[in-house]
Amino acid sequence: MNELLSTEIYAGRTLGDFISLEFLVSIFGNILSAIVVLVVGFIIAGWVARRIRGLADKHKRLDDTLFDFLSNIVRYVIIGLSFLIVLNTFGIQTTSLVAVIGAAGLAVGLALQGTLSNVAAGVMLIFFRPIKIGDFVQINAEMGTVKAINLNFTELASVGNVQIIIPNSEVWGNTITNYSAYDTRQAEWTFGVGYSADLDLTEQVIRETITSDPRFLAEPGPTIKVTALGASSVDFLVRAWVPRTEFFGYWKDMNREVKLALDRAGIDIPFPNRTVHIVKDD
């Protein structure tokens, strides 16, 4: 009986009978609200991201890579919240949607384990900053200057200016030698002189040569010690401290200057030789 009455009530009515002015106002109001929320969300996201990047620009000691990463994370979070607010405006239950997105994310994560391991390692590199852009580093057998640290890979430029791309999982999971971590470095040489050389004079010549260079740091002082009696030479181990930025130039120059100074002092620098005794068999 109720079904018959309902059929009679709706019979003969058009779509316009069911769309009232209040319904249209409600729909257009929701659409307008959604547009306003999205526009405001994008504006706020961009403003906050710029403010975060601005902190790195104002303070040069802060790492640009870290703040770029944080600004992008905050930007996408604000945009995502804006979309959730829009969905709630239209009466869509976001709880179930979030569950579906989580399940899809899990499936994608299982399919992209290798890529996600690089991303996770990239996040660790950006947050803990064992290396920074501009550092001269060695990672496994690769050596070069850090040019970029992305979420997936780290880019190095070799000494010969060749691009080297290393996946972040290999960077974070292996030993990193950072030659730019400290302001000073210790240069080291081994100089061999003949057994007939005056050892005190040799030490004096070496000391005067390495300490007279303006790049030499007086504190801590140099180390000049006899460390080995080789097959054909007496070996001096020499160490001196220099600013990090002057290390390679100073180290190379002192190889030449010490050689010239020893020559001027008449101190012999021997090379390996072998004496052969010939015995005739009667």
Protein backbone atom coordinates (compact mmCIF):
# COMPACT_ATOMS: atom_id res chain seq x y z
CA MET A 1 0.00 0.00 0.00
CA ASN A 2 2.83 2.44 0.93
CA GLU A 3 4.69 1.62 -2.27
CA LEU A 4 1.60 2.45 -4.34
CA LEU A 5 1.19 5.82 -2.58
CA SER A 6 4.86 6.66 -3.15
CA THR A 7 4.55 5.83 -6.83
CA GLU A 8 1.51 8.06 -7.17
CA ILE A 9 3.29 10.95 -5.39
CA TYR A 10 6.39 10.93 -7.72
CA ALA A 11 4.47 10.11 -10.88
CA GLY A 12 4.26 12.96 -13.38
CA ARG A 13 6.94 15.14 -11.73
CA THR A 14 9.98 16.44 -13.61
CA LEU A 15 13.56 16.96 -12.44
CA GLY A 16 12.87 20.65 -11.86
CA ASP A 17 10.29 19.74 -9.20
CA PHE A 18 13.05 18.19 -7.11
CA ILE A 19 15.72 20.92 -7.57
CA SER A 20 14.81 23.77 -5.30
CA LEU A 21 16.46 27.18 -5.02
CA GLU A 22 17.91 26.20 -1.65
CA PHE A 23 19.51 23.11 -3.20
CA LEU A 24 21.16 25.13 -5.97
CA VAL A 25 22.40 27.73 -3.48
CA SER A 26 23.82 24.94 -1.34
CA ILE A 27 25.66 23.35 -4.29
CA PHE A 28 27.11 26.61 -5.57
CA GLY A 29 28.02 27.60 -2.02
CA ASN A 30 29.94 24.38 -1.53
CA ILE A 31 31.73 24.82 -4.85
CA LEU A 32 32.64 28.40 -4.00
CA SER A 33 33.83 27.36 -0.55
CA ALA A 34 35.96 24.60 -2.08
CA ILE A 35 37.57 27.03 -4.51
CA VAL A 36 38.27 29.51 -1.73
CA VAL A 37 39.76 26.80 0.51
CA LEU A 38 42.03 25.52 -2.28
CA VAL A 39 43.19 28.98 -3.29
CA VAL A 40 43.89 29.97 0.31
CA GLY A 41 45.60 26.62 0.92
CA PHE A 42 47.93 27.04 -2.06
CA ILE A 43 48.71 30.63 -1.04
CA ILE A 44 49.48 29.66 2.55
CA ALA A 45 51.54 26.65 1.42
CA GLY A 46 53.64 28.79 -0.91
CA TRP A 47 54.10 31.52 1.71
CA VAL A 48 55.20 29.07 4.42
CA ALA A 49 57.58 27.30 2.01
CA ARG A 50 59.18 30.60 1.05
CA ARG A 51 59.56 31.59 4.69
CA ILE A 52 61.33 28.32 5.48
CA ARG A 53 63.69 28.72 2.52
CA GLY A 54 64.28 32.31 3.59
CA LEU A 55 65.73 31.11 6.89
CA ALA A 56 68.54 29.37 5.01
CA ASP A 57 69.13 32.49 2.89
CA LYS A 58 69.40 34.73 5.94
CA HIS A 59 71.69 32.38 7.86
CA LYS A 60 74.50 31.17 5.60
CA ARG A 61 75.59 28.55 8.13
CA LEU A 62 72.32 26.65 7.66
CA ASP A 63 72.17 23.92 5.02
CA ASP A 64 70.07 24.87 1.97
CA THR A 65 69.29 21.23 1.17
CA LEU A 66 67.70 20.61 4.56
CA PHE A 67 65.47 23.69 4.35
CA ASP A 68 64.44 22.94 0.76
CA PHE A 69 63.36 19.49 1.89
CA LEU A 70 61.45 20.83 4.91
CA SER A 71 59.75 23.53 2.84
CA ASN A 72 58.51 20.96 0.31
CA ILE A 73 57.20 18.66 3.06
CA VAL A 74 55.29 21.51 4.75
CA ARG A 75 53.93 22.73 1.41
CA TYR A 76 52.51 19.34 0.45
CA VAL A 77 51.06 18.77 3.94
CA ILE A 78 49.16 22.08 3.79
CA ILE A 79 47.87 21.32 0.28
CA GLY A 80 46.78 17.84 1.39
CA LEU A 81 44.88 19.28 4.36
CA SER A 82 43.16 21.72 2.00
CA PHE A 83 41.91 18.87 -0.17
CA LEU A 84 40.63 17.01 2.90
CA ILE A 85 38.69 20.10 3.98
CA VAL A 86 37.16 20.34 0.48
CA LEU A 87 36.08 16.70 0.58
CA ASN A 88 34.46 17.23 3.97
CA THR A 89 32.61 20.24 2.53
CA PHE A 90 30.90 17.96 0.01
CA GLY A 91 30.07 15.39 2.67
CA ILE A 92 32.64 12.80 1.61
CA GLN A 93 33.90 10.63 4.45
CA THR A 94 37.65 11.14 4.48
CA THR A 95 38.31 8.35 6.97
CA SER A 96 37.66 5.62 4.44
CA LEU A 97 39.53 7.59 1.79
CA VAL A 98 42.60 7.82 4.01
CA ALA A 99 42.41 4.06 4.59
CA VAL A 100 42.28 3.41 0.85
CA ILE A 101 45.24 5.73 0.27
CA GLY A 102 47.17 3.96 3.02
CA ALA A 103 46.51 0.54 1.48
CA ALA A 104 47.54 1.81 -1.94
CA GLY A 105 50.66 3.35 -0.44
CA LEU A 106 51.58 0.01 1.14
CA ALA A 107 51.22 -1.78 -2.19
CA VAL A 108 53.31 0.83 -3.96
CA GLY A 109 55.91 0.66 -1.19
CA LEU A 110 56.29 -3.10 -1.58
CA ALA A 111 56.70 -2.69 -5.34
CA LEU A 112 59.31 0.07 -4.97
CA GLN A 113 61.43 -1.22 -2.11
CA GLY A 114 64.73 -0.29 -3.75
CA THR A 115 63.62 3.22 -4.63
CA LEU A 116 62.12 3.80 -1.19
CA SER A 117 65.33 2.64 0.47
CA ASN A 118 67.13 5.37 -1.45
CA VAL A 119 64.48 7.89 -0.37
CA ALA A 120 64.78 6.82 3.27
CA ALA A 121 68.57 7.12 3.07
CA GLY A 122 68.17 10.53 1.44
CA VAL A 123 66.02 11.73 4.33
CA MET A 124 68.69 10.55 6.79
CA LEU A 125 71.43 12.32 4.81
CA ILE A 126 69.43 15.55 4.70
CA PHE A 127 68.54 15.52 8.40
CA PHE A 128 71.82 14.31 9.92
CA ARG A 129 74.04 16.01 7.29
CA PRO A 130 77.21 13.89 7.39
CA ILE A 131 78.06 15.60 4.11
CA LYS A 132 77.04 18.97 2.66
CA ILE A 133 77.08 20.58 -0.75
CA GLY A 134 80.62 21.74 -1.48
CA ASP A 135 82.35 19.11 0.71
CA PHE A 136 85.18 17.07 -0.78
CA VAL A 137 84.43 13.45 0.14
CA GLN A 138 85.25 9.85 -0.61
CA ILE A 139 82.42 7.30 -0.66
CA ASN A 140 83.69 3.76 -1.20
CA ALA A 141 86.07 4.13 -4.14
CA GLU A 142 84.52 7.36 -5.46
CA MET A 143 86.06 10.72 -4.60
CA GLY A 144 84.83 14.18 -5.49
CA THR A 145 83.04 17.38 -4.50
CA VAL A 146 79.39 17.11 -3.45
CA LYS A 147 77.23 18.95 -5.98
CA ALA A 148 73.71 17.84 -4.98
CA ILE A 149 71.93 15.68 -2.40
CA ASN A 150 68.49 14.59 -3.63
CA LEU A 151 66.04 12.13 -2.14
CA ASN A 152 67.17 9.39 -4.54
CA PHE A 153 70.87 10.00 -5.20
CA THR A 154 73.93 12.06 -4.35
CA GLU A 155 75.88 13.78 -7.11
CA LEU A 156 79.65 14.20 -6.97
CA ALA A 157 82.05 15.98 -9.32
CA SER A 158 85.38 14.17 -9.54
CA VAL A 159 88.76 15.91 -9.51
CA GLY A 160 88.60 15.80 -13.31
CA ASN A 161 85.08 17.35 -13.22
CA VAL A 162 83.32 14.11 -14.16
CA GLN A 163 79.78 13.61 -12.82
CA ILE A 164 79.37 10.70 -10.40
CA ILE A 165 75.87 9.57 -9.35
CA ILE A 166 75.66 7.41 -6.21
CA PRO A 167 72.33 5.96 -4.90
CA ASN A 168 71.63 7.28 -1.41
CA SER A 169 71.35 3.78 0.06
CA GLU A 170 75.01 3.21 -0.86
CA VAL A 171 76.01 6.58 0.59
CA TRP A 172 74.27 6.14 3.94
CA GLY A 173 75.16 2.44 4.27
CA ASN A 174 78.89 2.81 3.65
CA THR A 175 81.91 4.57 5.07
CA ILE A 176 82.09 8.28 4.22
CA THR A 177 85.44 10.09 4.33
CA ASN A 178 84.79 13.83 4.51
CA TYR A 179 87.94 15.85 3.84
CA SER A 180 86.07 19.13 4.35
CA ALA A 181 84.65 18.43 7.80
CA TYR A 182 87.35 20.32 9.75
CA ASP A 183 89.04 23.67 9.17
CA THR A 184 92.59 22.29 9.37
CA ARG A 185 94.35 19.23 8.03
CA GLN A 186 97.68 17.55 8.68
CA ALA A 187 99.97 17.06 5.69
CA GLU A 188 102.36 14.12 5.81
CA TRP A 189 105.53 13.16 3.90
CA THR A 190 108.33 10.61 4.14
CA PHE A 191 111.75 11.88 3.07
CA GLY A 192 114.68 9.46 2.79
CA VAL A 193 118.32 10.57 3.04
CA GLY A 194 121.58 8.69 2.76
CA TYR A 195 123.21 6.92 5.69
CA SER A 196 126.14 9.33 5.52
CA ALA A 197 123.86 12.38 5.96
CA ASP A 198 124.02 14.54 9.09
CA LEU A 199 120.65 13.80 10.71
CA ASP A 200 120.55 17.00 12.78
CA LEU A 201 121.27 19.11 9.71
CA THR A 202 118.68 17.20 7.72
CA GLU A 203 116.03 17.84 10.36
CA GLN A 204 116.94 21.53 10.47
CA VAL A 205 116.69 21.91 6.68
CA ILE A 206 113.33 20.18 6.55
CA ARG A 207 111.97 22.22 9.46
CA GLU A 208 113.05 25.55 7.99
CA THR A 209 111.58 24.67 4.62
CA ILE A 210 108.11 23.59 5.74
CA THR A 211 107.72 26.31 8.42
CA SER A 212 108.82 29.21 6.19
CA ASP A 213 105.79 28.79 3.94
CA PRO A 214 102.99 31.28 4.87
CA ARG A 215 100.40 28.50 4.67
CA PHE A 216 102.03 26.62 7.56
CA LEU A 217 100.21 26.73 10.92
CA ALA A 218 102.50 27.17 13.93
CA GLU A 219 100.02 25.53 16.30
CA PRO A 220 100.15 22.63 16.72
CA GLY A 221 103.82 22.37 15.83
CA PRO A 222 105.32 20.12 13.15
CA THR A 223 106.55 16.56 13.61
CA ILE A 224 109.96 15.60 12.17
CA LYS A 225 111.22 12.21 13.33
CA VAL A 226 113.39 9.36 12.06
CA THR A 227 111.00 6.45 11.75
CA ALA A 228 112.82 3.80 9.71
CA LEU A 229 116.25 2.61 8.64
CA GLY A 230 115.52 1.42 5.15
CA ALA A 231 117.55 -0.71 2.77
CA SER A 232 119.21 2.35 1.25
CA SER A 233 117.97 5.38 3.25
CA VAL A 234 117.21 6.85 6.63
CA ASP A 235 113.52 7.81 6.51
CA PHE A 236 112.14 10.96 8.14
CA LEU A 237 108.41 11.13 8.86
CA VAL A 238 107.30 14.77 8.53
CA ARG A 239 103.89 16.18 9.49
CA ALA A 240 102.61 19.78 9.45
CA TRP A 241 99.24 21.46 9.93
CA VAL A 242 97.71 23.72 7.28
CA PRO A 243 94.29 25.26 6.57
CA ARG A 244 92.00 22.78 4.86
CA THR A 245 91.67 24.90 1.74
CA GLU A 246 95.47 25.04 1.30
CA PHE A 247 96.19 21.35 1.90
CA PHE A 248 96.76 20.02 -1.61
CA GLY A 249 98.79 22.99 -2.81
CA TYR A 250 100.99 23.00 0.29
CA TRP A 251 101.50 19.23 0.23
CA LYS A 252 102.59 19.22 -3.42
CA ASP A 253 104.81 22.30 -3.10
CA MET A 254 106.71 20.95 -0.10
CA ASN A 255 107.70 17.81 -1.98
CA ARG A 256 109.58 20.03 -4.43
CA GLU A 257 110.88 22.60 -1.94
CA VAL A 258 112.30 20.05 0.50
CA LYS A 259 114.06 18.25 -2.37
CA LEU A 260 115.65 21.51 -3.54
CA ALA A 261 116.62 22.50 0.02
CA LEU A 262 118.32 19.15 0.66
CA ASP A 263 120.22 19.47 -2.61
CA ARG A 264 121.44 22.95 -1.64
CA ALA A 265 122.59 21.62 1.73
CA GLY A 266 124.51 18.81 0.04
CA ILE A 267 122.35 16.11 1.65
CA ASP A 268 122.04 13.04 -0.53
CA ILE A 269 118.64 11.56 -1.35
CA PRO A 270 119.49 7.98 -2.32
CA PHE A 271 117.67 5.65 -4.63
CA PRO A 272 117.55 1.87 -4.21
CA ASN A 273 120.70 0.15 -5.42
CA ARG A 274 121.96 -3.41 -5.41
CA THR A 275 125.51 -4.73 -5.25
CA VAL A 276 126.06 -7.93 -7.24
CA HIS A 277 129.03 -10.17 -6.39
CA ILE A 278 130.06 -12.55 -9.17
CA VAL A 279 131.70 -15.76 -7.96
CA LYS A 280 133.49 -17.93 -10.54
CA ASP A 281 132.85 -21.65 -10.27
CA ASP A 282 136.16 -23.58 -10.72
